[in-house]
């Protein structure tokens, strides 16, 4: 009887965990749709490029973070090494772009 109660509690725990995970997926998906609509609105509007481009880059970066954390499950335990590799790659890419931009502009 004890084992049956324990498995029922465990099943209820996982059910609640999956329900909460689905809620976060839906919220992040809705936010990504809103960010995409904002980006389209900025591009279609009559705004200067110096205003629009940085905002679109920030919106894209936020969407990438949502993708990594919620849809690629980088927030979960056991994904530390892949997260480290991705962040190292992003750092190397930013550093390379910064170096090349500095060389070209000077």
N, C-alpha and C. Protein backbone atom coordinates (compact mmCIF):
# COMPACT_ATOMS: atom_id res chain seq x y z
N UNK A 1 0.83 -1.20 0.00
CA UNK A 1 0.00 0.00 0.00
C UNK A 1 0.86 1.25 0.00
N UNK A 2 1.98 1.20 0.72
CA UNK A 2 2.88 2.35 0.81
C UNK A 2 3.46 2.70 -0.55
N UNK A 3 3.83 1.68 -1.32
CA UNK A 3 4.43 1.91 -2.63
C UNK A 3 3.42 2.54 -3.60
N UNK A 4 2.18 2.13 -3.52
CA UNK A 4 1.13 2.68 -4.38
C UNK A 4 0.89 4.16 -4.07
N UNK A 5 0.92 4.54 -2.81
CA UNK A 5 0.74 5.93 -2.40
C UNK A 5 1.92 6.77 -2.88
N UNK A 6 3.12 6.22 -2.77
CA UNK A 6 4.32 6.93 -3.21
C UNK A 6 4.30 7.16 -4.72
N UNK A 7 3.91 6.14 -5.49
CA UNK A 7 3.85 6.30 -6.95
C UNK A 7 2.75 7.27 -7.35
N UNK A 8 1.66 7.30 -6.60
CA UNK A 8 0.58 8.26 -6.89
C UNK A 8 1.04 9.68 -6.62
N UNK A 9 1.77 9.87 -5.52
CA UNK A 9 2.30 11.19 -5.22
C UNK A 9 3.32 11.62 -6.26
N UNK A 10 4.14 10.69 -6.70
CA UNK A 10 5.14 10.99 -7.70
C UNK A 10 4.47 11.34 -9.04
N UNK A 11 3.44 10.61 -9.39
CA UNK A 11 2.71 10.90 -10.63
C UNK A 11 2.05 12.27 -10.55
N UNK A 12 1.51 12.61 -9.41
CA UNK A 12 0.88 13.93 -9.23
C UNK A 12 1.93 15.04 -9.30
N UNK A 13 3.12 14.78 -8.72
CA UNK A 13 4.20 15.76 -8.78
C UNK A 13 4.60 16.03 -10.23
N UNK A 14 4.80 14.95 -11.02
CA UNK A 14 5.20 15.13 -12.42
C UNK A 14 4.10 15.77 -13.25
N UNK A 15 2.86 15.47 -12.94
CA UNK A 15 1.73 16.09 -13.64
C UNK A 15 1.72 17.60 -13.41
N UNK A 16 1.92 18.01 -12.16
CA UNK A 16 1.96 19.44 -11.85
C UNK A 16 3.18 20.10 -12.48
N UNK A 17 4.31 19.40 -12.48
CA UNK A 17 5.53 19.94 -13.09
C UNK A 17 5.33 20.15 -14.59
N UNK A 18 4.74 19.19 -15.27
CA UNK A 18 4.50 19.32 -16.71
C UNK A 18 3.47 20.41 -17.01
N UNK A 19 2.49 20.56 -16.15
CA UNK A 19 1.49 21.61 -16.34
C UNK A 19 2.14 22.99 -16.22
N UNK A 20 3.02 23.15 -15.23
CA UNK A 20 3.72 24.42 -15.06
C UNK A 20 4.67 24.68 -16.23
N UNK A 21 5.33 23.64 -16.71
CA UNK A 21 6.22 23.78 -17.86
C UNK A 21 5.44 24.22 -19.11
N UNK A 22 4.27 23.63 -19.31
CA UNK A 22 3.43 24.01 -20.45
C UNK A 22 2.98 25.47 -20.33
N UNK A 23 2.70 25.90 -19.11
CA UNK A 23 2.31 27.29 -18.90
C UNK A 23 3.46 28.23 -19.30
N UNK A 24 4.69 27.91 -18.91
CA UNK A 24 5.84 28.73 -19.28
C UNK A 24 6.09 28.71 -20.78
N UNK A 25 5.89 27.56 -21.41
CA UNK A 25 6.04 27.47 -22.86
C UNK A 25 5.02 28.39 -23.56
N UNK A 26 3.79 28.34 -23.10
CA UNK A 26 2.75 29.17 -23.73
C UNK A 26 3.02 30.66 -23.53
N UNK A 27 3.45 31.04 -22.34
CA UNK A 27 3.75 32.45 -22.07
C UNK A 27 4.91 32.92 -22.93
N UNK A 28 5.97 32.13 -23.00
CA UNK A 28 7.13 32.54 -23.80
C UNK A 28 6.78 32.57 -25.28
N UNK A 29 5.95 31.63 -25.75
CA UNK A 29 5.52 31.65 -27.15
C UNK A 29 4.72 32.91 -27.45
N UNK A 30 3.81 33.27 -26.55
CA UNK A 30 3.01 34.49 -26.75
C UNK A 30 3.91 35.73 -26.76
N UNK A 31 4.90 35.78 -25.87
CA UNK A 31 5.81 36.92 -25.85
C UNK A 31 6.64 36.99 -27.13
N UNK A 32 7.05 35.84 -27.65
CA UNK A 32 7.82 35.85 -28.90
C UNK A 32 6.96 36.35 -30.06
N UNK A 33 5.70 35.97 -30.08
CA UNK A 33 4.79 36.48 -31.12
C UNK A 33 4.64 38.00 -30.99
N UNK A 34 4.50 38.48 -29.77
CA UNK A 34 4.37 39.93 -29.55
C UNK A 34 5.65 40.64 -30.00
N UNK A 35 6.82 40.09 -29.65
CA UNK A 35 8.08 40.70 -30.08
C UNK A 35 8.21 40.73 -31.60
N UNK A 36 7.75 39.67 -32.25
CA UNK A 36 7.79 39.63 -33.72
C UNK A 36 6.86 40.68 -34.32
N UNK A 37 5.69 40.83 -33.75
CA UNK A 37 4.75 41.85 -34.24
C UNK A 37 5.34 43.25 -34.04
N UNK A 38 5.98 43.47 -32.89
CA UNK A 38 6.62 44.77 -32.64
C UNK A 38 7.71 45.03 -33.68
N UNK A 39 8.53 44.00 -33.97
CA UNK A 39 9.61 44.16 -34.95
C UNK A 39 9.03 44.48 -36.33
N UNK A 40 7.98 43.77 -36.74
CA UNK A 40 7.35 44.06 -38.03
C UNK A 40 6.78 45.47 -38.05
N UNK A 41 6.17 45.88 -36.95
CA UNK A 41 5.62 47.23 -36.87
C UNK A 41 6.70 48.30 -36.99
N UNK A 42 7.84 48.05 -36.36
CA UNK A 42 8.94 49.01 -36.46
C UNK A 42 9.48 49.10 -37.88
N UNK A 43 9.60 47.95 -38.54
CA UNK A 43 10.12 47.95 -39.90
C UNK A 43 9.15 48.61 -40.87
N UNK A 44 7.86 48.37 -40.67
CA UNK A 44 6.86 48.94 -41.57
C UNK A 44 6.61 50.42 -41.29
N UNK A 45 6.95 50.87 -40.11
CA UNK A 45 6.73 52.27 -39.75
C UNK A 45 7.74 53.19 -40.41
N UNK A 46 7.54 54.45 -40.18
CA UNK A 46 8.41 55.48 -40.77
C UNK A 46 9.45 55.94 -39.74
N UNK A 47 10.27 55.02 -39.27
CA UNK A 47 11.27 55.32 -38.26
C UNK A 47 12.66 55.30 -38.88
N UNK A 48 13.60 55.97 -38.23
CA UNK A 48 14.96 55.98 -38.75
C UNK A 48 15.65 54.64 -38.45
N UNK A 49 16.63 54.31 -39.29
CA UNK A 49 17.35 53.05 -39.12
C UNK A 49 18.12 53.02 -37.80
N UNK A 50 18.62 54.16 -37.37
CA UNK A 50 19.39 54.19 -36.13
C UNK A 50 18.51 53.91 -34.91
N UNK A 51 17.21 54.09 -35.07
CA UNK A 51 16.27 53.79 -34.00
C UNK A 51 15.80 52.34 -34.08
N UNK A 52 15.54 51.86 -35.29
CA UNK A 52 14.92 50.55 -35.47
C UNK A 52 15.91 49.40 -35.29
N UNK A 53 17.09 49.51 -35.85
CA UNK A 53 18.03 48.38 -35.86
C UNK A 53 18.43 47.94 -34.44
N UNK A 54 18.80 48.84 -33.53
CA UNK A 54 19.14 48.36 -32.18
C UNK A 54 17.96 47.69 -31.46
N UNK A 55 16.77 48.22 -31.67
CA UNK A 55 15.60 47.62 -31.02
C UNK A 55 15.35 46.22 -31.57
N UNK A 56 15.48 46.05 -32.87
CA UNK A 56 15.27 44.72 -33.46
C UNK A 56 16.34 43.74 -32.97
N UNK A 57 17.57 44.20 -32.83
CA UNK A 57 18.63 43.33 -32.33
C UNK A 57 18.34 42.90 -30.88
N UNK A 58 17.88 43.82 -30.07
CA UNK A 58 17.54 43.47 -28.68
C UNK A 58 16.36 42.50 -28.65
N UNK A 59 15.33 42.75 -29.46
CA UNK A 59 14.19 41.83 -29.50
C UNK A 59 14.62 40.44 -29.97
N UNK A 60 15.52 40.39 -30.94
CA UNK A 60 16.02 39.10 -31.42
C UNK A 60 16.82 38.38 -30.34
N UNK A 61 17.63 39.11 -29.59
CA UNK A 61 18.42 38.50 -28.51
C UNK A 61 17.49 37.94 -27.42
N UNK A 62 16.44 38.68 -27.10
CA UNK A 62 15.49 38.20 -26.09
C UNK A 62 14.79 36.94 -26.59
N UNK A 63 14.43 36.92 -27.88
CA UNK A 63 13.79 35.73 -28.43
C UNK A 63 14.72 34.52 -28.43
N UNK A 64 16.00 34.74 -28.70
CA UNK A 64 16.96 33.64 -28.64
C UNK A 64 17.04 33.10 -27.22
N UNK A 65 17.03 33.97 -26.23
CA UNK A 65 17.09 33.51 -24.84
C UNK A 65 15.83 32.70 -24.49
N UNK A 66 14.66 33.17 -24.93
CA UNK A 66 13.44 32.39 -24.71
C UNK A 66 13.54 31.02 -25.37
N UNK A 67 14.05 31.00 -26.60
CA UNK A 67 14.19 29.73 -27.31
C UNK A 67 15.11 28.78 -26.54
N UNK A 68 16.24 29.29 -26.10
CA UNK A 68 17.20 28.43 -25.40
C UNK A 68 16.66 27.95 -24.06
N UNK A 69 16.12 28.84 -23.28
CA UNK A 69 15.72 28.47 -21.93
C UNK A 69 14.45 27.66 -21.87
N UNK A 70 13.46 28.00 -22.67
CA UNK A 70 12.17 27.32 -22.53
C UNK A 70 11.95 26.23 -23.56
N UNK A 71 12.34 26.43 -24.81
CA UNK A 71 12.07 25.43 -25.82
C UNK A 71 13.22 24.44 -25.98
N UNK A 72 14.44 24.84 -25.70
CA UNK A 72 15.57 23.92 -25.76
C UNK A 72 15.94 23.39 -24.37
N UNK A 73 15.18 23.76 -23.35
CA UNK A 73 15.30 23.25 -21.98
C UNK A 73 16.67 23.50 -21.36
N UNK A 74 17.30 24.61 -21.69
CA UNK A 74 18.61 24.91 -21.12
C UNK A 74 18.51 25.28 -19.64
N UNK A 75 17.34 25.55 -19.16
CA UNK A 75 17.18 25.89 -17.75
C UNK A 75 17.16 24.65 -16.86
N UNK A 76 16.98 23.48 -17.47
CA UNK A 76 16.85 22.24 -16.71
C UNK A 76 18.21 21.73 -16.24
N UNK A 77 18.16 20.96 -15.20
CA UNK A 77 19.37 20.36 -14.64
C UNK A 77 19.94 19.35 -15.63
N UNK A 78 21.25 19.31 -15.74
CA UNK A 78 21.90 18.37 -16.64
C UNK A 78 22.28 18.98 -17.98
N UNK A 79 21.96 20.25 -18.19
CA UNK A 79 22.28 20.91 -19.45
C UNK A 79 23.37 21.97 -19.27
N UNK A 80 24.19 21.81 -18.26
CA UNK A 80 25.21 22.82 -17.99
C UNK A 80 26.30 22.84 -19.05
N UNK A 81 26.76 21.66 -19.49
CA UNK A 81 27.82 21.61 -20.50
C UNK A 81 27.35 22.16 -21.85
N UNK A 82 26.19 21.75 -22.36
CA UNK A 82 25.73 22.37 -23.61
C UNK A 82 25.53 23.88 -23.48
N UNK A 83 25.04 24.33 -22.33
CA UNK A 83 24.85 25.77 -22.12
C UNK A 83 26.20 26.48 -22.14
N UNK A 84 27.20 25.89 -21.50
CA UNK A 84 28.54 26.48 -21.50
C UNK A 84 29.09 26.58 -22.92
N UNK A 85 28.88 25.54 -23.71
CA UNK A 85 29.36 25.54 -25.09
C UNK A 85 28.65 26.62 -25.92
N UNK A 86 27.35 26.74 -25.75
CA UNK A 86 26.60 27.75 -26.50
C UNK A 86 27.05 29.15 -26.09
N UNK A 87 27.17 29.39 -24.80
CA UNK A 87 27.58 30.72 -24.34
C UNK A 87 29.01 31.04 -24.76
N UNK A 88 29.87 30.03 -24.77
CA UNK A 88 31.24 30.25 -25.25
C UNK A 88 31.25 30.59 -26.73
N UNK A 89 30.42 29.91 -27.52
CA UNK A 89 30.31 30.23 -28.93
C UNK A 89 29.78 31.62 -29.19
N UNK A 90 28.79 32.02 -28.42
CA UNK A 90 28.24 33.38 -28.55
C UNK A 90 29.30 34.40 -28.18
N UNK A 91 30.03 34.15 -27.11
CA UNK A 91 31.09 35.07 -26.69
C UNK A 91 32.16 35.19 -27.77
N UNK A 92 32.57 34.05 -28.35
CA UNK A 92 33.58 34.07 -29.40
C UNK A 92 33.07 34.81 -30.64
N UNK A 93 31.80 34.62 -30.98
CA UNK A 93 31.23 35.30 -32.14
C UNK A 93 31.18 36.81 -31.92
N UNK A 94 30.73 37.22 -30.73
CA UNK A 94 30.66 38.65 -30.42
C UNK A 94 32.06 39.26 -30.43
N UNK A 95 33.01 38.56 -29.84
CA UNK A 95 34.39 39.04 -29.81
C UNK A 95 34.96 39.16 -31.22
N UNK A 96 34.69 38.20 -32.08
CA UNK A 96 35.17 38.24 -33.46
C UNK A 96 34.54 39.39 -34.23
N UNK A 97 33.23 39.55 -34.09
CA UNK A 97 32.55 40.66 -34.78
C UNK A 97 33.07 42.00 -34.28
N UNK A 98 33.26 42.13 -32.99
CA UNK A 98 33.80 43.36 -32.42
C UNK A 98 35.20 43.65 -32.95
N UNK A 99 36.04 42.62 -33.00
CA UNK A 99 37.42 42.81 -33.49
C UNK A 99 37.43 43.19 -34.97
N UNK A 100 36.64 42.49 -35.77
CA UNK A 100 36.60 42.79 -37.20
C UNK A 100 36.00 44.17 -37.47
N UNK A 101 35.00 44.54 -36.72
CA UNK A 101 34.40 45.87 -36.86
C UNK A 101 35.41 46.95 -36.49
N UNK A 102 36.15 46.72 -35.44
CA UNK A 102 37.17 47.69 -35.02
C UNK A 102 38.26 47.82 -36.07
N UNK A 103 38.69 46.70 -36.64
CA UNK A 103 39.74 46.75 -37.65
C UNK A 103 39.26 47.48 -38.89
N UNK A 104 38.04 47.23 -39.32
CA UNK A 104 37.51 47.86 -40.54
C UNK A 104 37.32 49.35 -40.34
N UNK A 105 36.84 49.77 -39.18
CA UNK A 105 36.52 51.18 -38.98
C UNK A 105 37.75 52.03 -38.63
N UNK A 106 38.82 51.42 -38.24
CA UNK A 106 40.01 52.22 -37.88
C UNK A 106 40.93 52.31 -38.99
